[in-house]
N, C-alpha and C. Protein backbone atom coordinates (compact mmCIF):
# COMPACT_ATOMS: atom_id res chain seq x y z
N MET A 1 8.56 12.64 16.57
CA MET A 1 9.10 11.40 16.00
C MET A 1 8.27 10.81 14.88
N LEU A 2 9.09 10.50 13.92
CA LEU A 2 8.51 9.68 12.91
C LEU A 2 9.23 8.42 12.54
N VAL A 3 8.10 7.23 12.52
CA VAL A 3 8.47 5.75 12.46
C VAL A 3 7.99 5.49 11.13
N ALA A 4 8.73 4.58 10.49
CA ALA A 4 8.32 3.85 9.29
C ALA A 4 8.34 2.35 9.66
N LEU A 5 7.13 1.74 9.38
CA LEU A 5 6.88 0.37 9.69
C LEU A 5 6.62 -0.46 8.50
N ASN A 6 7.26 -1.59 8.25
CA ASN A 6 6.77 -2.47 7.24
C ASN A 6 5.70 -3.34 7.45
N LYS A 7 4.33 -3.00 7.38
CA LYS A 7 3.38 -3.87 7.70
C LYS A 7 3.05 -4.74 7.24
N PRO A 8 2.96 -6.22 7.94
CA PRO A 8 2.87 -7.39 7.31
C PRO A 8 1.33 -7.57 6.83
N TYR A 9 1.04 -8.37 6.01
CA TYR A 9 -0.08 -8.75 5.39
C TYR A 9 -0.86 -9.20 6.78
N GLY A 10 -2.23 -9.01 6.76
CA GLY A 10 -3.08 -9.44 7.98
C GLY A 10 -2.84 -8.70 9.30
N VAL A 11 -2.37 -7.49 9.27
CA VAL A 11 -2.33 -6.67 10.58
C VAL A 11 -3.07 -5.34 10.46
N LEU A 12 -3.87 -5.19 11.37
CA LEU A 12 -4.60 -3.90 11.52
C LEU A 12 -3.79 -2.74 11.61
N CYS A 13 -4.23 -1.59 11.12
CA CYS A 13 -3.39 -0.39 11.35
C CYS A 13 -3.81 0.32 12.57
N GLN A 14 -3.83 -0.41 13.71
CA GLN A 14 -4.36 0.07 14.99
C GLN A 14 -3.82 -0.74 16.15
N PHE A 15 -3.56 -0.28 17.32
CA PHE A 15 -3.15 -0.89 18.37
C PHE A 15 -3.86 -1.86 19.13
N THR A 16 -5.21 -1.82 19.04
CA THR A 16 -6.16 -2.80 19.71
C THR A 16 -7.20 -3.37 18.66
N ASP A 17 -7.72 -4.37 19.14
CA ASP A 17 -8.85 -5.06 18.03
C ASP A 17 -10.02 -5.62 19.01
N GLN A 18 -11.28 -5.29 18.78
CA GLN A 18 -12.12 -5.77 19.58
C GLN A 18 -12.94 -7.00 18.91
N GLY A 19 -12.54 -7.29 17.83
CA GLY A 19 -12.97 -8.34 16.93
C GLY A 19 -12.98 -9.84 17.63
N GLU A 20 -13.90 -10.77 17.19
CA GLU A 20 -13.76 -12.01 17.70
C GLU A 20 -13.70 -12.88 16.42
N PRO A 21 -12.62 -13.73 16.31
CA PRO A 21 -11.45 -13.58 17.01
C PRO A 21 -10.60 -12.31 16.99
N PRO A 22 -9.83 -11.99 18.03
CA PRO A 22 -8.93 -10.87 17.63
C PRO A 22 -7.95 -10.98 16.57
N ARG A 23 -7.88 -9.95 15.91
CA ARG A 23 -6.84 -9.97 14.86
C ARG A 23 -5.46 -9.28 15.16
N ARG A 24 -4.27 -9.52 14.38
CA ARG A 24 -3.16 -9.01 14.76
C ARG A 24 -3.22 -7.33 14.74
N THR A 25 -2.60 -6.90 15.52
CA THR A 25 -2.44 -5.30 15.65
C THR A 25 -0.97 -4.79 15.52
N LEU A 26 -0.94 -3.39 15.57
CA LEU A 26 0.50 -2.78 15.69
C LEU A 26 1.13 -2.99 16.96
N ALA A 27 0.38 -3.59 18.11
CA ALA A 27 1.02 -3.64 19.40
C ALA A 27 2.03 -4.53 19.47
N GLU A 28 1.81 -5.69 18.62
CA GLU A 28 3.12 -6.74 18.57
C GLU A 28 4.37 -6.30 17.99
N PHE A 29 4.64 -5.01 17.57
CA PHE A 29 5.91 -4.80 16.80
C PHE A 29 6.77 -4.18 17.63
N GLY A 30 6.49 -3.84 18.94
CA GLY A 30 7.41 -3.02 19.88
C GLY A 30 7.72 -1.70 19.18
N LEU A 31 6.53 -0.87 18.86
CA LEU A 31 6.67 0.32 18.53
C LEU A 31 6.93 1.31 19.56
N PRO A 32 7.58 2.66 19.57
CA PRO A 32 7.54 3.39 20.63
C PRO A 32 6.05 3.85 21.00
N SER A 33 5.91 4.10 22.43
CA SER A 33 4.43 4.43 23.00
C SER A 33 4.37 6.02 22.45
N GLY A 34 2.94 6.13 22.33
CA GLY A 34 2.40 7.64 22.13
C GLY A 34 2.42 7.84 20.45
N ILE A 35 2.58 6.91 19.78
CA ILE A 35 2.69 7.05 18.24
C ILE A 35 1.42 6.62 17.60
N TYR A 36 1.04 7.21 16.48
CA TYR A 36 -0.23 6.85 15.92
C TYR A 36 0.08 6.76 14.49
N ALA A 37 -0.78 5.92 13.67
CA ALA A 37 -0.53 5.87 12.24
C ALA A 37 -1.08 7.00 11.38
N ALA A 38 -0.40 7.26 10.60
CA ALA A 38 -0.61 8.57 9.65
C ALA A 38 -1.19 8.09 8.29
N GLY A 39 -2.51 7.76 8.59
CA GLY A 39 -3.16 7.26 7.35
C GLY A 39 -3.54 5.62 7.62
N ARG A 40 -4.07 5.01 6.73
CA ARG A 40 -4.10 3.53 6.73
C ARG A 40 -3.55 2.77 5.77
N LEU A 41 -3.52 1.45 5.87
CA LEU A 41 -2.97 0.61 4.91
C LEU A 41 -3.96 -0.56 5.25
N ASP A 42 -4.85 -1.08 4.30
CA ASP A 42 -5.87 -2.21 4.48
C ASP A 42 -5.20 -3.41 5.17
N PHE A 43 -5.92 -4.18 5.70
CA PHE A 43 -5.67 -5.41 6.61
C PHE A 43 -5.06 -6.39 5.69
N ASP A 44 -5.46 -6.52 4.36
CA ASP A 44 -4.76 -7.42 3.44
C ASP A 44 -3.89 -6.82 2.61
N SER A 45 -3.36 -5.72 2.94
CA SER A 45 -2.17 -4.95 2.11
C SER A 45 -1.11 -4.81 3.02
N GLU A 46 0.16 -4.82 2.39
CA GLU A 46 1.49 -4.74 3.12
C GLU A 46 2.26 -3.54 2.82
N GLY A 47 3.26 -3.39 3.54
CA GLY A 47 4.24 -2.33 3.24
C GLY A 47 4.35 -1.10 3.98
N MET A 48 4.74 0.05 3.48
CA MET A 48 5.16 1.27 4.35
C MET A 48 3.85 1.75 4.97
N LEU A 49 4.00 2.03 6.45
CA LEU A 49 3.18 2.81 7.35
C LEU A 49 3.87 3.56 8.06
N LEU A 50 3.69 4.94 8.06
CA LEU A 50 4.34 6.07 8.76
C LEU A 50 3.53 6.19 10.07
N LEU A 51 4.14 6.41 11.07
CA LEU A 51 3.32 6.65 12.50
C LEU A 51 4.22 7.69 13.20
N SER A 52 3.48 8.63 13.89
CA SER A 52 4.05 9.78 14.52
C SER A 52 3.25 10.12 15.84
N ASP A 53 4.10 10.94 16.82
CA ASP A 53 3.46 11.43 17.92
C ASP A 53 3.05 12.78 17.78
N ASP A 54 3.13 13.35 16.47
CA ASP A 54 2.91 14.77 16.29
C ASP A 54 1.49 14.80 15.32
N GLY A 55 0.43 15.30 15.94
CA GLY A 55 -0.68 15.15 15.28
C GLY A 55 -0.82 16.13 13.92
N ALA A 56 0.03 17.21 13.91
CA ALA A 56 0.01 17.94 12.86
C ALA A 56 0.80 17.32 11.54
N ARG A 57 1.93 16.48 11.99
CA ARG A 57 2.42 15.61 11.00
C ARG A 57 1.66 14.49 10.41
N ILE A 58 1.03 13.97 11.33
CA ILE A 58 -0.03 12.98 11.01
C ILE A 58 -1.13 13.56 9.91
N ALA A 59 -1.44 14.46 10.24
CA ALA A 59 -2.42 15.32 9.54
C ALA A 59 -1.88 15.67 8.10
N GLN A 60 -0.86 16.23 7.98
CA GLN A 60 -0.18 16.45 6.79
C GLN A 60 -0.05 15.17 5.90
N ILE A 61 0.47 14.11 6.35
CA ILE A 61 0.97 12.85 5.76
C ILE A 61 -0.46 12.31 5.19
N SER A 62 -1.42 12.28 5.95
CA SER A 62 -2.79 11.50 5.74
C SER A 62 -3.80 12.35 4.88
N SER A 63 -3.64 13.66 5.03
CA SER A 63 -4.73 14.56 4.39
C SER A 63 -4.46 14.53 2.72
N PRO A 64 -5.68 14.44 2.17
CA PRO A 64 -5.41 14.44 0.65
C PRO A 64 -5.09 15.78 0.03
N LYS A 65 -5.35 16.87 0.99
CA LYS A 65 -5.07 18.31 0.52
C LYS A 65 -3.57 18.54 0.52
N PHE A 66 -2.75 17.67 1.11
CA PHE A 66 -1.20 18.02 0.90
C PHE A 66 -0.85 17.06 -0.22
N LYS A 67 -1.41 16.21 -0.78
CA LYS A 67 -1.10 15.40 -1.88
C LYS A 67 0.23 14.72 -1.95
N TRP A 68 0.54 13.93 -0.78
CA TRP A 68 1.78 13.32 -0.78
C TRP A 68 1.58 11.94 -1.66
N PRO A 69 2.67 12.02 -2.47
CA PRO A 69 2.65 10.64 -3.31
C PRO A 69 2.57 9.34 -2.50
N LYS A 70 2.00 8.37 -2.80
CA LYS A 70 1.89 6.94 -2.34
C LYS A 70 2.20 6.13 -3.56
N THR A 71 3.38 5.12 -3.39
CA THR A 71 3.56 4.41 -4.44
C THR A 71 3.58 2.98 -3.99
N TYR A 72 3.00 2.24 -4.95
CA TYR A 72 2.56 0.69 -4.64
C TYR A 72 3.12 -0.12 -5.62
N LEU A 73 3.38 -1.27 -5.23
CA LEU A 73 3.87 -2.35 -5.96
C LEU A 73 2.63 -3.32 -6.06
N VAL A 74 2.24 -3.71 -7.04
CA VAL A 74 0.63 -4.20 -7.41
C VAL A 74 0.80 -5.47 -8.18
N GLN A 75 0.75 -6.47 -7.69
CA GLN A 75 0.76 -7.89 -8.39
C GLN A 75 -0.62 -8.19 -8.87
N VAL A 76 -0.89 -8.10 -10.00
CA VAL A 76 -2.18 -8.49 -10.76
C VAL A 76 -2.39 -9.59 -11.44
N GLU A 77 -3.65 -9.97 -11.53
CA GLU A 77 -4.01 -10.99 -12.33
C GLU A 77 -4.33 -10.65 -13.74
N GLY A 78 -3.45 -11.34 -14.66
CA GLY A 78 -3.28 -11.03 -16.15
C GLY A 78 -1.97 -10.22 -16.40
N ASN A 79 -1.77 -10.08 -17.82
CA ASN A 79 -0.55 -9.39 -18.06
C ASN A 79 -0.96 -7.97 -18.53
N ALA A 80 -0.39 -6.92 -17.82
CA ALA A 80 -0.98 -5.64 -18.05
C ALA A 80 -0.41 -5.16 -19.39
N THR A 81 -1.62 -4.68 -19.92
CA THR A 81 -1.28 -3.99 -21.48
C THR A 81 -0.81 -2.66 -21.40
N ASP A 82 -0.51 -2.18 -22.53
CA ASP A 82 -0.14 -0.66 -22.75
C ASP A 82 -1.53 0.25 -22.58
N GLU A 83 -2.53 -0.29 -23.01
CA GLU A 83 -3.93 0.02 -22.97
C GLU A 83 -4.34 0.43 -21.62
N GLN A 84 -4.11 -0.67 -20.82
CA GLN A 84 -4.62 -0.74 -19.38
C GLN A 84 -3.64 0.35 -18.54
N LEU A 85 -2.46 0.16 -18.84
CA LEU A 85 -1.69 1.20 -18.17
C LEU A 85 -2.16 2.58 -18.57
N ALA A 86 -2.24 2.96 -19.71
CA ALA A 86 -2.67 4.41 -20.12
C ALA A 86 -3.98 4.71 -19.49
N GLN A 87 -4.90 3.82 -19.26
CA GLN A 87 -6.22 4.05 -18.59
C GLN A 87 -5.89 4.49 -17.07
N LEU A 88 -4.92 3.68 -16.54
CA LEU A 88 -4.46 4.09 -15.10
C LEU A 88 -3.90 5.37 -15.03
N ARG A 89 -3.01 5.92 -15.97
CA ARG A 89 -2.29 7.08 -16.13
C ARG A 89 -3.40 8.19 -16.15
N LYS A 90 -4.51 7.86 -16.99
CA LYS A 90 -5.36 8.91 -17.31
C LYS A 90 -6.38 9.25 -16.10
N GLY A 91 -6.55 8.05 -15.43
CA GLY A 91 -7.47 8.18 -14.28
C GLY A 91 -8.70 7.30 -14.74
N VAL A 92 -9.39 6.56 -14.05
CA VAL A 92 -10.60 5.77 -14.30
C VAL A 92 -11.61 6.14 -13.56
N LEU A 93 -12.91 5.83 -14.04
CA LEU A 93 -14.06 5.97 -13.49
C LEU A 93 -14.54 4.90 -12.48
N LEU A 94 -14.54 5.27 -11.12
CA LEU A 94 -14.88 4.46 -10.00
C LEU A 94 -16.39 4.78 -9.56
N ASN A 95 -17.05 4.07 -8.80
CA ASN A 95 -18.55 4.12 -8.34
C ASN A 95 -18.51 5.76 -7.62
N ASP A 96 -17.49 6.10 -7.07
CA ASP A 96 -17.45 7.33 -6.32
C ASP A 96 -16.81 8.37 -6.88
N GLY A 97 -16.89 8.30 -8.36
CA GLY A 97 -16.24 9.40 -9.21
C GLY A 97 -14.90 9.07 -9.90
N PRO A 98 -14.48 10.07 -10.80
CA PRO A 98 -13.16 9.71 -11.41
C PRO A 98 -11.94 10.11 -10.71
N THR A 99 -11.04 9.15 -10.88
CA THR A 99 -9.82 9.30 -10.20
C THR A 99 -9.02 10.18 -10.75
N GLN A 100 -7.95 10.89 -10.20
CA GLN A 100 -6.89 11.67 -10.60
C GLN A 100 -5.98 10.79 -11.36
N PRO A 101 -5.28 11.48 -12.28
CA PRO A 101 -4.21 10.73 -13.00
C PRO A 101 -3.13 10.18 -12.16
N THR A 102 -2.54 9.21 -12.49
CA THR A 102 -1.70 8.43 -11.87
C THR A 102 -0.28 8.14 -12.65
N GLN A 103 0.72 7.85 -11.95
CA GLN A 103 1.90 7.28 -12.65
C GLN A 103 1.78 5.73 -12.72
N ALA A 104 1.88 5.06 -13.82
CA ALA A 104 1.78 3.63 -13.62
C ALA A 104 2.76 3.15 -14.71
N GLN A 105 3.45 2.09 -14.18
CA GLN A 105 4.27 1.32 -15.30
C GLN A 105 4.44 -0.10 -15.00
N ARG A 106 4.67 -0.93 -15.97
CA ARG A 106 4.70 -2.33 -15.83
C ARG A 106 6.16 -2.84 -15.45
N LEU A 107 6.43 -3.71 -14.60
CA LEU A 107 7.48 -4.33 -14.27
C LEU A 107 7.93 -5.64 -14.84
N ASP A 108 8.96 -5.82 -15.25
CA ASP A 108 9.41 -7.04 -16.09
C ASP A 108 9.07 -8.38 -15.22
N ARG A 109 9.34 -8.42 -13.85
CA ARG A 109 9.14 -9.35 -12.90
C ARG A 109 8.97 -8.73 -11.33
N ALA A 110 8.86 -9.61 -10.72
CA ALA A 110 8.90 -9.12 -9.17
C ALA A 110 10.31 -8.76 -8.98
N PRO A 111 10.50 -7.57 -8.09
CA PRO A 111 11.71 -7.02 -7.71
C PRO A 111 12.36 -8.02 -6.71
N ASP A 112 13.51 -7.99 -6.93
CA ASP A 112 14.41 -9.07 -6.00
C ASP A 112 14.28 -9.05 -4.62
N TRP A 113 14.04 -7.82 -4.13
CA TRP A 113 13.93 -7.30 -2.77
C TRP A 113 12.37 -7.88 -2.13
N LEU A 114 11.64 -8.16 -2.93
CA LEU A 114 10.19 -8.50 -2.64
C LEU A 114 10.22 -9.86 -1.58
N TRP A 115 9.68 -9.81 -0.59
CA TRP A 115 9.61 -10.92 0.53
C TRP A 115 8.45 -11.84 0.17
N PRO A 116 8.47 -13.02 0.46
CA PRO A 116 7.35 -13.87 0.35
C PRO A 116 6.17 -13.57 1.14
N ARG A 117 5.02 -13.72 0.61
CA ARG A 117 3.99 -13.15 1.54
C ARG A 117 3.43 -14.31 2.31
N ASP A 118 3.03 -14.10 3.52
CA ASP A 118 2.48 -15.13 4.35
C ASP A 118 1.04 -14.89 4.69
N PRO A 119 0.03 -15.49 4.33
CA PRO A 119 0.04 -16.73 3.44
C PRO A 119 0.36 -16.31 1.76
N PRO A 120 0.81 -17.23 1.10
CA PRO A 120 1.03 -16.90 -0.34
C PRO A 120 -0.10 -16.60 -1.05
N ILE A 121 -0.20 -15.88 -2.30
CA ILE A 121 -1.10 -15.55 -3.05
C ILE A 121 -1.64 -16.84 -3.73
N ARG A 122 -3.07 -16.71 -4.14
CA ARG A 122 -3.34 -17.94 -4.96
C ARG A 122 -2.54 -17.95 -6.26
N VAL A 123 -2.33 -19.11 -6.82
CA VAL A 123 -1.65 -19.10 -8.18
C VAL A 123 -2.44 -20.23 -8.98
N ARG A 124 -2.79 -19.59 -10.22
CA ARG A 124 -3.62 -20.18 -11.19
C ARG A 124 -2.76 -20.46 -12.46
N LYS A 125 -2.72 -21.68 -12.78
CA LYS A 125 -1.74 -22.23 -13.66
C LYS A 125 -2.24 -21.60 -15.05
N THR A 126 -3.41 -21.40 -15.20
CA THR A 126 -3.92 -20.98 -16.74
C THR A 126 -4.13 -19.62 -16.77
N VAL A 127 -3.68 -18.85 -15.78
CA VAL A 127 -3.98 -17.46 -15.71
C VAL A 127 -2.60 -16.63 -15.27
N PRO A 128 -1.87 -15.76 -16.24
CA PRO A 128 -0.82 -15.27 -15.84
C PRO A 128 -0.93 -14.07 -14.85
N ASP A 129 0.06 -13.60 -14.18
CA ASP A 129 0.22 -12.55 -13.24
C ASP A 129 1.33 -11.59 -13.75
N SER A 130 1.16 -10.24 -13.58
CA SER A 130 2.15 -9.40 -13.72
C SER A 130 2.35 -8.43 -12.41
N PHE A 131 3.40 -7.70 -12.62
CA PHE A 131 3.63 -6.53 -11.59
C PHE A 131 3.58 -5.28 -12.12
N ILE A 132 3.00 -4.28 -11.59
CA ILE A 132 2.98 -2.89 -12.17
C ILE A 132 3.24 -2.10 -10.77
N GLU A 133 3.77 -1.00 -10.89
CA GLU A 133 4.09 0.14 -10.09
C GLU A 133 3.19 1.34 -10.25
N ILE A 134 2.42 1.71 -9.32
CA ILE A 134 1.34 2.74 -9.31
C ILE A 134 1.57 3.97 -8.32
N THR A 135 1.85 5.18 -8.60
CA THR A 135 1.94 6.12 -7.83
C THR A 135 0.63 7.15 -8.01
N LEU A 136 0.10 7.47 -6.82
CA LEU A 136 -1.06 8.30 -6.69
C LEU A 136 -1.02 9.38 -5.80
N ARG A 137 -1.85 10.47 -5.77
CA ARG A 137 -1.81 11.62 -4.72
C ARG A 137 -3.10 11.69 -4.19
N GLU A 138 -3.95 10.62 -4.27
CA GLU A 138 -5.36 10.54 -3.40
C GLU A 138 -5.39 9.32 -2.60
N GLY A 139 -6.23 9.00 -1.81
CA GLY A 139 -6.22 8.04 -1.08
C GLY A 139 -7.61 7.70 -0.60
N ARG A 140 -8.38 7.12 -1.61
CA ARG A 140 -9.61 6.72 -1.14
C ARG A 140 -9.62 5.38 -0.92
N ASN A 141 -10.60 4.87 -0.33
CA ASN A 141 -10.82 3.55 0.31
C ASN A 141 -10.65 2.58 -0.77
N ARG A 142 -9.60 1.64 -0.41
CA ARG A 142 -8.99 0.56 -1.27
C ARG A 142 -8.94 1.04 -2.89
N GLN A 143 -8.52 2.16 -3.22
CA GLN A 143 -8.44 2.80 -4.35
C GLN A 143 -7.64 1.97 -5.59
N VAL A 144 -6.35 1.52 -5.04
CA VAL A 144 -5.74 0.94 -6.19
C VAL A 144 -6.44 -0.32 -6.44
N ARG A 145 -6.96 -1.20 -5.58
CA ARG A 145 -7.38 -2.36 -5.85
C ARG A 145 -8.89 -2.06 -6.88
N ARG A 146 -9.48 -0.83 -6.64
CA ARG A 146 -10.56 -0.88 -7.26
C ARG A 146 -10.26 -0.22 -8.91
N MET A 147 -9.18 0.55 -8.76
CA MET A 147 -8.50 1.06 -10.30
C MET A 147 -8.21 -0.20 -10.98
N THR A 148 -7.34 -0.99 -10.38
CA THR A 148 -6.81 -2.16 -11.42
C THR A 148 -7.85 -3.00 -11.89
N ALA A 149 -9.00 -3.36 -10.89
CA ALA A 149 -10.12 -3.93 -11.23
C ALA A 149 -11.02 -3.40 -12.27
N ALA A 150 -11.05 -2.01 -12.13
CA ALA A 150 -11.71 -1.16 -13.36
C ALA A 150 -11.18 -1.50 -14.58
N VAL A 151 -9.89 -1.68 -14.74
CA VAL A 151 -9.20 -1.79 -16.11
C VAL A 151 -8.96 -3.25 -16.51
N GLY A 152 -9.71 -4.00 -15.65
CA GLY A 152 -9.55 -5.64 -16.04
C GLY A 152 -8.40 -6.35 -15.41
N LEU A 153 -7.55 -5.80 -14.54
CA LEU A 153 -6.40 -6.39 -13.77
C LEU A 153 -6.65 -6.51 -12.08
N PRO A 154 -7.33 -7.51 -11.76
CA PRO A 154 -7.66 -7.84 -10.19
C PRO A 154 -6.45 -7.74 -9.59
N THR A 155 -6.24 -7.14 -8.44
CA THR A 155 -5.07 -7.20 -7.53
C THR A 155 -5.10 -8.49 -6.74
N LEU A 156 -3.74 -9.06 -7.01
CA LEU A 156 -3.55 -10.16 -6.03
C LEU A 156 -2.82 -9.84 -4.76
N ARG A 157 -1.76 -8.82 -4.72
CA ARG A 157 -1.06 -8.34 -3.78
C ARG A 157 -0.76 -7.12 -3.91
N LEU A 158 -0.81 -6.19 -2.85
CA LEU A 158 -0.62 -4.85 -2.79
C LEU A 158 0.41 -4.39 -1.94
N VAL A 159 1.59 -3.79 -2.01
CA VAL A 159 2.65 -3.47 -1.33
C VAL A 159 2.81 -2.10 -1.56
N ARG A 160 2.74 -1.12 -0.38
CA ARG A 160 3.07 0.26 -0.51
C ARG A 160 4.67 0.41 -0.43
N ILE A 161 5.37 0.95 -1.26
CA ILE A 161 6.51 1.04 -1.17
C ILE A 161 7.16 2.41 -0.71
N SER A 162 6.27 3.32 -0.87
CA SER A 162 6.80 4.57 -0.46
C SER A 162 5.67 5.50 -0.09
N ILE A 163 5.80 6.58 0.95
CA ILE A 163 4.92 7.80 1.29
C ILE A 163 5.74 8.99 1.13
N GLY A 164 5.47 9.94 0.12
CA GLY A 164 6.32 11.04 0.00
C GLY A 164 7.77 10.63 -0.05
N PRO A 165 8.68 11.13 0.55
CA PRO A 165 10.23 10.99 0.47
C PRO A 165 10.65 9.73 1.32
N HIS A 166 9.73 9.04 2.01
CA HIS A 166 9.92 8.00 2.76
C HIS A 166 9.83 6.55 2.16
N ARG A 167 10.87 5.77 1.98
CA ARG A 167 10.70 4.44 1.24
C ARG A 167 11.11 3.15 2.14
N LEU A 168 10.78 2.17 1.76
CA LEU A 168 10.85 0.90 2.43
C LEU A 168 12.28 0.73 2.61
N ASP A 169 13.01 0.52 1.39
CA ASP A 169 14.57 0.55 1.23
C ASP A 169 15.12 -0.38 2.36
N GLY A 170 14.94 -1.61 2.21
CA GLY A 170 15.63 -2.67 3.02
C GLY A 170 15.07 -2.75 4.34
N LEU A 171 13.91 -2.39 4.54
CA LEU A 171 12.98 -2.40 5.76
C LEU A 171 12.23 -4.00 5.52
N ALA A 172 12.44 -5.10 6.44
CA ALA A 172 11.90 -6.12 6.21
C ALA A 172 10.68 -6.15 6.89
N SER A 173 9.51 -7.21 6.40
CA SER A 173 8.49 -7.18 6.80
C SER A 173 8.46 -7.25 8.46
N GLY A 174 7.55 -6.47 9.12
CA GLY A 174 7.43 -6.39 10.42
C GLY A 174 8.50 -5.77 11.40
N GLN A 175 9.37 -5.38 10.44
CA GLN A 175 10.50 -4.31 11.24
C GLN A 175 10.11 -2.99 11.00
N TRP A 176 10.67 -2.05 11.76
CA TRP A 176 10.58 -0.70 11.82
C TRP A 176 11.64 0.22 12.12
N ARG A 177 11.88 1.52 11.69
CA ARG A 177 12.94 2.28 12.10
C ARG A 177 12.42 3.75 12.28
N GLU A 178 13.13 4.51 13.06
CA GLU A 178 12.71 5.90 13.17
C GLU A 178 13.48 6.67 11.83
N GLU A 179 12.40 7.55 11.39
CA GLU A 179 12.79 8.34 10.20
C GLU A 179 13.20 9.69 10.47
N LYS A 180 14.15 10.50 9.57
CA LYS A 180 14.22 11.70 9.71
C LYS A 180 13.22 12.54 9.31
N LEU A 181 13.00 13.77 10.17
CA LEU A 181 11.80 14.73 10.16
C LEU A 181 11.91 15.41 8.80
């Protein structure tokens, strides 16, 4: 079984939390029993999370050696320039080494399908923001946020829109569906 969940902001990618106070978890979404997340999506990130009951499939999706592309919609502080996008495409140097090249493009505006975030991002009247789409094939800890910061574009909102051939496509925040294998 393979399930796609549109993980809301502020939800852990696990079914239990021992923290104080407890945080929201995957347990609240009525997912089928016996499935586990294939990889992670940060607590403060949103979007596509794949879950499965097949350990080999989970390893294939989450392991960097299989290089499944992951695409993100990123709202950044500032107007993304051609030079900054070129740096992202080439790869940037992070404190844990250089990143592999990515696909990166500027969007004219937020996509029409994008739901409001709860809570909303901070808005600064004197600082513009813009949207970019980034596709990468590695998955380091907080990599997209670190990459955009390295080129002078701090991330305000991060939404994963696809993993490999699986896309959000109409899946509302907090909803899930079974995917074809």
